[in-house]
Amino acid sequence: MPVLRQALNAMACLLLAGCAAVSAPPAIPLAPTPGTVLTPPAAEPLSPDQQEQRLAAARVVLVGETHDHPGHHAIQMDILRRMAEQGAPLVVGVEWLDASAQPACDEFSAGRINLAQFAERVDWSASWGYPLELYAPILEYIRERKLPLVALNAPLAVVRQVARQGLGSLTSDQRARLAPALDLDDPAYREMVAGQFAGHGVSGAAAEDFFVAQVVRDETMAHRLAQALEPWPDSGQRGIVLVGSGHFLHGLGLPPRLARRLPGAGMLTVLPVEPELAAQVGLMNPQRPAADWLVVSTPAPPRPPRLGVVVKPQEGGLLVERVLPGGAAQRAGLQAGDRLVSVNGRPLASPKDIHDAIKSQATAPHRYLVERRGQWLEITIALEATPPAGQAPAAPPLDRQAE
């Protein structure tokens, strides 16, 4: 989502700058209402009948999300329900879990365990981490309709190892848990992913490893969905994929990898966007639209303040692997290589421990005990209620161990 926002803002600025010398700036278009469906570059909304016809023609539909945005999950729920009601057998693939969760997914889809039991079986808070209540309506509907639920993602620990040490660091067992075929010859996608990491100070070999880790996830998700739809195309099944929007922006990432495995799928990509972005649909590059459909969501909820670090649990605390530019941690003097031991005297063993320790007064000053090269320091950090304008998002797209 940050990539799309930056691109639209840049295009809007260029358009206004080009017109300023000859005429007054054009009027800002009215933002469409939530639920409106637009097909770039057209600014006219699709009618309900047009939407149903296009949905019915697609064998695979990808519906994006910003993981903590309730409005995006409401759009996913709507598309899921409409596809299920069209009658053809429907498989629901989700980014949220990896293959180790598949036995629990099968039990849940069959109605043999409830949502609370499912969350416990897959260790939701550790394996995905975003609040279960955001996903509960979707999951309950899947259980109610007994739809096959497929955990698509690559194992998080393996993805992180690729991002930090490269594909060559994997054991044969780790490699076997990923898609057999990995297409890394994708310059357009490489360029887009590199743009995401630039704001986090990632470059060189590290940026390459992060790109490979992103491809590992896309290829594995495509591979597992294709397996679930076998025999293709004779099974008659359709697939809906609920996934972070960055995995299919501009037709990159998942779409070509699914098309390679599922020829003739008539794929449809659906991108939830906020009203002010949808109002700028006419500014998009018609040769490379962000998605097939833009569906207007409710506005984003306020983003909680973040510390601005990427951390990894280790014995005795949390190792700071990266300090993100412009964040509260950088301003307070925290450094990569530091070990966060406690907050206000409360020991730290996971990123969630930071959240739990400060959530009641998130923007108040808090005392962090830090070990730095054998020396003990106490650093006081106060989070800002609103991130500074233009600051990069706190969490890199490949690592959820961020605060």
Protein backbone atom coordinates (compact mmCIF):
# COMPACT_ATOMS: atom_id res chain seq x y z
CA MET A 1 0.00 0.00 0.00
CA PRO A 2 2.77 2.56 0.73
CA VAL A 3 4.16 1.89 -2.78
CA LEU A 4 0.80 2.64 -4.39
CA ARG A 5 0.32 5.78 -2.31
CA GLN A 6 3.77 7.12 -3.22
CA ALA A 7 3.22 6.41 -6.91
CA LEU A 8 -0.15 8.15 -7.01
CA ASN A 9 1.11 11.16 -5.08
CA ALA A 10 4.08 11.49 -7.41
CA MET A 11 1.87 11.32 -10.50
CA ALA A 12 -0.49 13.89 -9.06
CA CYS A 13 2.38 16.30 -8.38
CA LEU A 14 3.73 15.91 -11.92
CA LEU A 15 0.32 16.54 -13.44
CA LEU A 16 -0.25 19.69 -11.43
CA ALA A 17 3.27 20.99 -12.10
CA GLY A 18 2.85 20.52 -15.84
CA CYS A 19 -0.39 22.50 -15.95
CA ALA A 20 0.55 25.34 -13.62
CA ALA A 21 2.13 27.55 -16.29
CA VAL A 22 -0.86 27.51 -18.64
CA SER A 23 -3.97 27.16 -16.51
CA ALA A 24 -5.31 26.89 -13.01
CA PRO A 25 -4.87 23.50 -11.31
CA PRO A 26 -7.72 21.12 -12.14
CA ALA A 27 -10.43 20.63 -9.56
CA ILE A 28 -9.81 17.74 -7.21
CA PRO A 29 -12.31 15.01 -8.07
CA LEU A 30 -14.76 13.89 -5.44
CA ALA A 31 -13.69 10.75 -3.63
CA PRO A 32 -15.86 7.75 -4.53
CA THR A 33 -17.93 6.18 -1.77
CA PRO A 34 -16.82 2.93 -0.09
CA GLY A 35 -17.80 -0.12 -2.09
CA THR A 36 -17.35 1.57 -5.47
CA VAL A 37 -15.46 -0.58 -7.99
CA LEU A 38 -13.23 1.18 -10.54
CA THR A 39 -11.23 -0.31 -13.39
CA PRO A 40 -8.12 1.76 -14.14
CA PRO A 41 -7.69 3.97 -16.03
CA ALA A 42 -11.46 4.48 -16.34
CA ALA A 43 -12.98 6.66 -13.65
CA GLU A 44 -16.51 5.34 -14.14
CA PRO A 45 -17.61 2.73 -11.59
CA LEU A 46 -18.64 -0.77 -12.62
CA SER A 47 -22.32 -1.58 -12.19
CA PRO A 48 -23.28 -4.54 -9.95
CA ASP A 49 -24.17 -6.58 -13.06
CA GLN A 50 -20.80 -5.84 -14.64
CA GLN A 51 -19.06 -6.85 -11.43
CA GLU A 52 -20.92 -10.15 -11.24
CA GLN A 53 -20.15 -10.99 -14.86
CA ARG A 54 -16.44 -10.31 -14.40
CA LEU A 55 -16.28 -12.24 -11.14
CA ALA A 56 -18.04 -15.20 -12.72
CA ALA A 57 -15.56 -15.24 -15.62
CA ALA A 58 -12.51 -15.49 -13.34
CA ARG A 59 -11.26 -18.85 -12.14
CA VAL A 60 -8.73 -17.22 -9.77
CA VAL A 61 -9.32 -13.94 -7.92
CA LEU A 62 -6.67 -12.21 -5.78
CA VAL A 63 -8.03 -9.80 -3.16
CA GLY A 64 -5.45 -7.64 -1.42
CA GLU A 65 -5.16 -6.31 2.08
CA THR A 66 -3.18 -4.06 4.30
CA HIS A 67 -3.06 -6.51 7.17
CA ASP A 68 -4.30 -4.21 9.94
CA HIS A 69 -7.00 -2.41 7.89
CA PRO A 70 -10.55 -3.50 8.84
CA GLY A 71 -12.00 -1.99 5.64
CA HIS A 72 -9.79 -4.19 3.47
CA HIS A 73 -10.93 -7.32 5.25
CA ALA A 74 -14.55 -6.24 4.76
CA ILE A 75 -13.89 -6.05 1.00
CA GLN A 76 -12.30 -9.51 1.09
CA MET A 77 -15.35 -10.82 2.91
CA ASP A 78 -17.67 -9.33 0.29
CA ILE A 79 -15.79 -10.81 -2.67
CA LEU A 80 -15.53 -14.18 -0.91
CA ARG A 81 -19.27 -14.30 -0.26
CA ARG A 82 -20.16 -13.30 -3.80
CA MET A 83 -17.88 -15.93 -5.31
CA ALA A 84 -19.18 -18.64 -2.97
CA GLU A 85 -22.76 -17.78 -3.89
CA GLN A 86 -22.02 -18.15 -7.61
CA GLY A 87 -22.07 -21.90 -7.09
CA ALA A 88 -18.82 -23.32 -8.46
CA PRO A 89 -16.62 -25.15 -5.91
CA LEU A 90 -14.42 -22.54 -4.25
CA VAL A 91 -10.99 -22.96 -2.62
CA VAL A 92 -9.81 -20.20 -0.26
CA GLY A 93 -6.05 -19.67 -0.19
CA VAL A 94 -4.56 -17.39 2.46
CA GLU A 95 -1.15 -15.82 2.95
CA TRP A 96 -1.62 -15.83 6.70
CA LEU A 97 -0.37 -19.38 7.38
CA ASP A 98 2.10 -21.90 5.98
CA ALA A 99 1.75 -25.61 5.17
CA SER A 100 2.39 -26.66 8.77
CA ALA A 101 -1.06 -25.24 9.58
CA GLN A 102 -2.83 -27.27 6.88
CA PRO A 103 -4.06 -30.09 9.16
CA ALA A 104 -5.73 -27.50 11.40
CA CYS A 105 -7.16 -25.73 8.32
CA ASP A 106 -8.71 -29.01 7.18
CA GLU A 107 -10.23 -29.65 10.60
CA PHE A 108 -11.58 -26.11 10.75
CA SER A 109 -13.08 -26.19 7.25
CA ALA A 110 -14.83 -29.46 8.10
CA GLY A 111 -16.36 -27.87 11.22
CA ARG A 112 -14.61 -30.22 13.63
CA ILE A 113 -12.90 -27.41 15.56
CA ASN A 114 -14.10 -23.88 16.33
CA LEU A 115 -12.28 -20.59 15.75
CA ALA A 116 -10.67 -20.48 19.20
CA GLN A 117 -9.38 -24.03 18.80
CA PHE A 118 -8.14 -23.24 15.31
CA ALA A 119 -6.25 -20.16 16.53
CA GLU A 120 -4.63 -22.23 19.27
CA ARG A 121 -3.71 -25.08 16.91
CA VAL A 122 -1.98 -22.76 14.41
CA ASP A 123 -0.52 -20.53 17.16
CA TRP A 124 -2.07 -17.53 15.41
CA SER A 125 -0.45 -14.83 17.55
CA ALA A 126 3.04 -16.16 16.81
CA SER A 127 2.58 -17.43 13.26
CA TRP A 128 0.72 -14.40 11.88
CA GLY A 129 0.44 -11.92 14.73
CA TYR A 130 -2.24 -9.55 13.44
CA PRO A 131 -5.38 -9.40 15.62
CA LEU A 132 -7.59 -12.45 15.07
CA GLU A 133 -10.74 -10.31 15.30
CA LEU A 134 -9.84 -8.66 11.98
CA TYR A 135 -9.96 -12.06 10.28
CA ALA A 136 -12.71 -13.74 12.32
CA PRO A 137 -15.69 -12.94 10.02
CA ILE A 138 -13.83 -14.40 7.02
CA LEU A 139 -12.76 -17.50 8.91
CA GLU A 140 -16.20 -18.09 10.41
CA TYR A 141 -17.78 -17.83 6.96
CA ILE A 142 -15.29 -20.37 5.59
CA ARG A 143 -16.22 -22.76 8.41
CA GLU A 144 -19.95 -22.15 7.97
CA ARG A 145 -19.78 -22.91 4.24
CA LYS A 146 -17.23 -25.74 4.72
CA LEU A 147 -14.97 -24.16 2.09
CA PRO A 148 -11.50 -25.67 1.68
CA LEU A 149 -9.01 -23.40 3.47
CA VAL A 150 -5.46 -23.63 2.12
CA ALA A 151 -2.43 -22.26 4.01
CA LEU A 152 -0.33 -20.92 1.14
CA ASN A 153 2.72 -19.25 2.60
CA ALA A 154 6.29 -20.43 2.87
CA PRO A 155 7.46 -21.08 6.46
CA LEU A 156 8.35 -17.77 8.07
CA ALA A 157 11.60 -19.06 9.56
CA VAL A 158 12.76 -20.24 6.14
CA VAL A 159 11.79 -16.95 4.49
CA ARG A 160 13.73 -15.03 7.13
CA GLN A 161 16.78 -17.19 6.65
CA VAL A 162 16.69 -16.53 2.90
CA ALA A 163 16.32 -12.79 3.56
CA ARG A 164 19.29 -12.76 5.92
CA GLN A 165 21.65 -15.40 4.53
CA GLY A 166 20.51 -16.15 0.98
CA LEU A 167 18.91 -19.11 -0.75
CA GLY A 168 22.17 -21.06 -0.69
CA SER A 169 22.09 -21.21 3.12
CA LEU A 170 19.07 -23.55 3.19
CA THR A 171 19.35 -27.21 4.05
CA SER A 172 17.75 -29.76 1.71
CA ASP A 173 14.87 -30.14 4.18
CA GLN A 174 14.28 -26.37 4.28
CA ARG A 175 14.44 -26.12 0.48
CA ALA A 176 11.88 -28.93 0.16
CA ARG A 177 9.35 -26.79 2.06
CA LEU A 178 9.34 -24.22 -0.75
CA ALA A 179 8.03 -24.31 -4.32
CA PRO A 180 10.18 -26.57 -6.54
CA ALA A 181 10.54 -23.86 -9.23
CA LEU A 182 11.68 -20.32 -8.40
CA ASP A 183 11.72 -17.79 -11.24
CA LEU A 184 14.15 -15.05 -10.21
CA ASP A 185 14.43 -13.55 -13.70
CA ASP A 186 11.91 -10.78 -13.09
CA PRO A 187 13.50 -7.32 -13.53
CA ALA A 188 10.25 -5.35 -13.18
CA TYR A 189 9.38 -7.04 -9.90
CA ARG A 190 12.97 -6.71 -8.70
CA GLU A 191 12.77 -2.95 -9.33
CA MET A 192 9.47 -2.62 -7.44
CA VAL A 193 10.72 -4.60 -4.43
CA ALA A 194 13.96 -2.60 -4.38
CA GLY A 195 11.91 0.58 -4.15
CA GLN A 196 10.21 -0.75 -1.02
CA PHE A 197 13.51 -1.42 0.71
CA ALA A 198 15.24 1.82 -0.19
CA GLY A 199 13.50 3.65 2.65
CA HIS A 200 14.85 1.11 5.13
CA GLY A 201 18.50 1.47 4.15
CA VAL A 202 18.67 -1.99 2.57
CA SER A 203 20.94 -2.25 -0.47
CA GLY A 204 23.46 -4.47 -2.25
CA ALA A 205 23.53 -8.16 -1.36
CA ALA A 206 20.99 -7.63 1.41
CA ALA A 207 18.48 -6.17 -1.05
CA GLU A 208 19.04 -9.12 -3.39
CA ASP A 209 18.39 -11.61 -0.59
CA PHE A 210 15.21 -9.75 0.36
CA PHE A 211 14.04 -9.92 -3.26
CA VAL A 212 14.71 -13.65 -3.38
CA ALA A 213 12.79 -14.08 -0.12
CA GLN A 214 9.82 -12.24 -1.64
CA VAL A 215 9.92 -14.51 -4.70
CA VAL A 216 10.17 -17.56 -2.42
CA ARG A 217 6.88 -16.56 -0.83
CA ASP A 218 5.15 -15.79 -4.13
CA GLU A 219 6.28 -19.01 -5.81
CA THR A 220 5.32 -21.12 -2.80
CA MET A 221 1.88 -19.53 -2.56
CA ALA A 222 1.29 -20.06 -6.29
CA HIS A 223 2.52 -23.66 -6.04
CA ARG A 224 0.25 -24.54 -3.13
CA LEU A 225 -2.84 -22.97 -4.70
CA ALA A 226 -2.19 -24.85 -7.95
CA GLN A 227 -1.91 -28.09 -5.98
CA ALA A 228 -5.27 -27.37 -4.30
CA LEU A 229 -6.95 -26.80 -7.69
CA GLU A 230 -5.67 -30.01 -9.29
CA PRO A 231 -6.49 -31.47 -11.71
CA TRP A 232 -6.39 -28.16 -13.58
CA PRO A 233 -8.57 -27.14 -15.33
CA ASP A 234 -10.72 -30.25 -15.11
CA SER A 235 -11.51 -30.04 -11.39
CA GLY A 236 -13.96 -27.20 -12.07
CA GLN A 237 -12.81 -25.47 -8.90
CA ARG A 238 -12.17 -21.77 -8.53
CA GLY A 239 -9.73 -20.08 -6.20
CA ILE A 240 -9.75 -16.90 -4.17
CA VAL A 241 -6.46 -15.72 -2.68
CA LEU A 242 -6.46 -13.35 0.31
CA VAL A 243 -3.03 -11.77 0.43
CA GLY A 244 -1.09 -8.60 1.10
CA SER A 245 -1.55 -6.21 -1.82
CA GLY A 246 2.19 -5.93 -2.49
CA HIS A 247 2.16 -9.50 -3.79
CA PHE A 248 0.26 -8.52 -6.95
CA LEU A 249 0.59 -4.75 -7.54
CA HIS A 250 0.97 -3.87 -11.23
CA GLY A 251 0.47 -7.51 -12.19
CA LEU A 252 3.81 -8.49 -10.63
CA GLY A 253 4.65 -11.11 -8.04
CA LEU A 254 1.87 -13.68 -7.78
CA PRO A 255 -0.04 -13.21 -11.07
CA PRO A 256 2.65 -14.44 -13.50
CA ARG A 257 3.55 -17.29 -11.16
CA LEU A 258 -0.07 -18.40 -10.92
CA ALA A 259 -0.54 -18.03 -14.68
CA ARG A 260 2.46 -20.28 -15.26
CA ARG A 261 0.82 -23.03 -13.24
CA LEU A 262 -2.84 -22.35 -14.04
CA PRO A 263 -3.09 -21.43 -17.74
CA GLY A 264 -6.37 -19.86 -18.79
CA ALA A 265 -7.38 -18.93 -15.24
CA GLY A 266 -8.89 -15.58 -16.31
CA MET A 267 -7.28 -14.01 -13.26
CA LEU A 268 -8.72 -10.93 -11.55
CA THR A 269 -6.76 -8.75 -9.10
CA VAL A 270 -8.73 -6.66 -6.60
CA LEU A 271 -6.99 -3.86 -4.71
CA PRO A 272 -8.72 -2.14 -1.77
CA VAL A 273 -7.89 1.57 -1.76
CA GLU A 274 -8.93 4.49 0.37
CA PRO A 275 -11.29 7.11 -1.09
CA GLU A 276 -8.63 9.79 -1.75
CA LEU A 277 -6.51 7.35 -3.77
CA ALA A 278 -9.48 6.10 -5.75
CA ALA A 279 -10.24 9.71 -6.69
CA GLN A 280 -6.91 9.79 -8.56
CA VAL A 281 -7.55 6.73 -10.69
CA GLY A 282 -7.41 8.81 -13.86
CA LEU A 283 -3.77 9.65 -13.11
CA MET A 284 -2.63 6.04 -13.23
CA ASN A 285 -0.43 4.74 -15.99
CA PRO A 286 -2.85 2.88 -18.28
CA GLN A 287 -0.04 0.59 -19.40
CA ARG A 288 0.63 -0.61 -15.87
CA PRO A 289 -2.43 -0.24 -13.62
CA ALA A 290 -2.09 -1.14 -9.97
CA ALA A 291 -4.79 -3.84 -10.29
CA ASP A 292 -7.74 -4.90 -12.44
CA TRP A 293 -10.19 -3.52 -9.90
CA LEU A 294 -9.82 -0.78 -7.33
CA VAL A 295 -12.46 -1.21 -4.63
CA VAL A 296 -12.97 1.82 -2.40
CA SER A 297 -12.61 0.99 1.29
CA THR A 298 -13.44 2.89 4.41
CA PRO A 299 -10.60 5.19 5.56
CA ALA A 300 -7.63 3.63 7.28
CA PRO A 301 -7.69 3.58 11.08
CA PRO A 302 -5.01 5.65 12.83
CA ARG A 303 -1.69 3.83 12.66
CA PRO A 304 -0.31 3.02 16.12
CA PRO A 305 3.05 4.56 16.99
CA ARG A 306 6.04 2.29 16.39
CA LEU A 307 9.47 2.05 17.91
CA GLY A 308 11.14 1.77 14.50
CA VAL A 309 13.37 -1.30 14.83
CA VAL A 310 13.62 -4.77 13.34
CA VAL A 311 14.42 -7.28 16.08
CA LYS A 312 15.12 -10.97 16.51
CA PRO A 313 14.57 -12.89 19.76
CA GLN A 314 17.76 -14.20 21.30
CA GLU A 315 18.73 -15.43 24.74
CA GLY A 316 18.30 -12.65 27.25
CA GLY A 317 16.29 -10.25 25.09
CA LEU A 318 15.78 -8.96 21.56
CA LEU A 319 18.65 -8.36 19.15
CA VAL A 320 18.23 -5.10 17.18
CA GLU A 321 19.01 -6.08 13.59
CA ARG A 322 18.06 -2.76 12.03
CA VAL A 323 17.09 0.73 13.21
CA LEU A 324 14.68 2.30 10.74
CA PRO A 325 15.35 5.87 9.55
CA GLY A 326 13.39 8.65 11.21
CA GLY A 327 11.89 6.51 13.94
CA ALA A 328 11.76 7.01 17.70
CA ALA A 329 14.52 4.43 18.27
CA GLN A 330 16.93 6.22 15.95
CA ARG A 331 16.22 9.58 17.57
CA ALA A 332 16.91 8.08 21.00
CA GLY A 333 20.27 6.65 19.89
CA LEU A 334 19.45 2.93 19.64
CA GLN A 335 21.88 1.10 17.32
CA ALA A 336 21.90 -2.09 15.26
CA GLY A 337 23.59 -4.78 17.33
CA ASP A 338 22.07 -3.56 20.60
CA ARG A 339 20.20 -6.08 22.72
CA LEU A 340 16.94 -4.90 24.29
CA VAL A 341 16.72 -6.58 27.69
CA SER A 342 13.71 -4.98 29.37
CA VAL A 343 11.21 -2.12 29.28
CA ASN A 344 10.40 -0.43 32.57
CA GLY A 345 11.89 -3.47 34.30
CA ARG A 346 9.79 -6.01 32.35
CA PRO A 347 11.97 -8.63 30.58
CA LEU A 348 11.67 -8.92 26.79
CA ALA A 349 11.50 -12.24 24.94
CA SER A 350 9.40 -11.28 21.87
CA PRO A 351 8.39 -8.09 20.02
CA LYS A 352 4.92 -8.46 21.50
CA ASP A 353 6.43 -7.97 24.95
CA ILE A 354 7.34 -4.40 23.97
CA HIS A 355 3.76 -3.74 22.91
CA ASP A 356 2.36 -5.24 26.11
CA ALA A 357 4.75 -3.25 28.28
CA ILE A 358 3.92 0.19 26.86
CA LYS A 359 0.42 -0.12 25.34
CA SER A 360 -1.40 1.54 28.24
CA GLN A 361 0.69 4.72 27.75
CA ALA A 362 2.25 4.24 24.32
CA THR A 363 3.43 7.82 23.81
CA ALA A 364 4.83 8.33 27.32
CA PRO A 365 8.60 8.02 27.95
CA HIS A 366 9.64 4.41 28.71
CA ARG A 367 12.97 3.13 30.06
CA TYR A 368 14.73 0.47 27.96
CA LEU A 369 17.60 -1.53 29.42
CA VAL A 370 20.08 -2.09 26.58
CA GLU A 371 23.22 -4.22 26.35
CA ARG A 372 25.74 -2.76 23.88
CA ARG A 373 29.06 -4.52 23.33
CA GLY A 374 29.19 -5.72 26.92
CA GLN A 375 28.07 -2.43 28.47
CA TRP A 376 24.68 -1.77 30.05
CA LEU A 377 22.77 1.38 29.10
CA GLU A 378 19.39 2.82 30.00
CA ILE A 379 17.75 4.62 27.09
CA THR A 380 14.48 6.51 27.38
CA ILE A 381 12.27 6.41 24.30
CA ALA A 382 8.97 8.21 23.79
CA LEU A 383 6.88 7.32 20.74
CA GLU A 384 5.15 10.01 18.73
CA ALA A 385 1.38 9.82 18.41
CA THR A 386 1.65 10.39 14.66
CA PRO A 387 4.70 9.41 12.58
CA PRO A 388 6.53 12.38 11.00
CA ALA A 389 5.31 13.29 7.52
CA GLY A 390 7.00 11.25 4.83
CA GLN A 391 8.45 8.70 7.23
CA ALA A 392 8.75 5.19 5.82
CA PRO A 393 6.40 2.57 7.27
CA ALA A 394 7.80 1.00 10.40
CA ALA A 395 7.69 -2.66 9.39
CA PRO A 396 9.55 -3.99 6.33
CA PRO A 397 7.28 -6.15 4.18
CA LEU A 398 9.35 -9.30 4.73
CA ASP A 399 9.77 -9.25 8.48
CA ARG A 400 6.93 -9.13 10.97
CA GLN A 401 9.36 -9.04 13.92
CA ALA A 402 9.18 -5.25 13.95
CA GLU A 403 8.18 -2.74 16.56
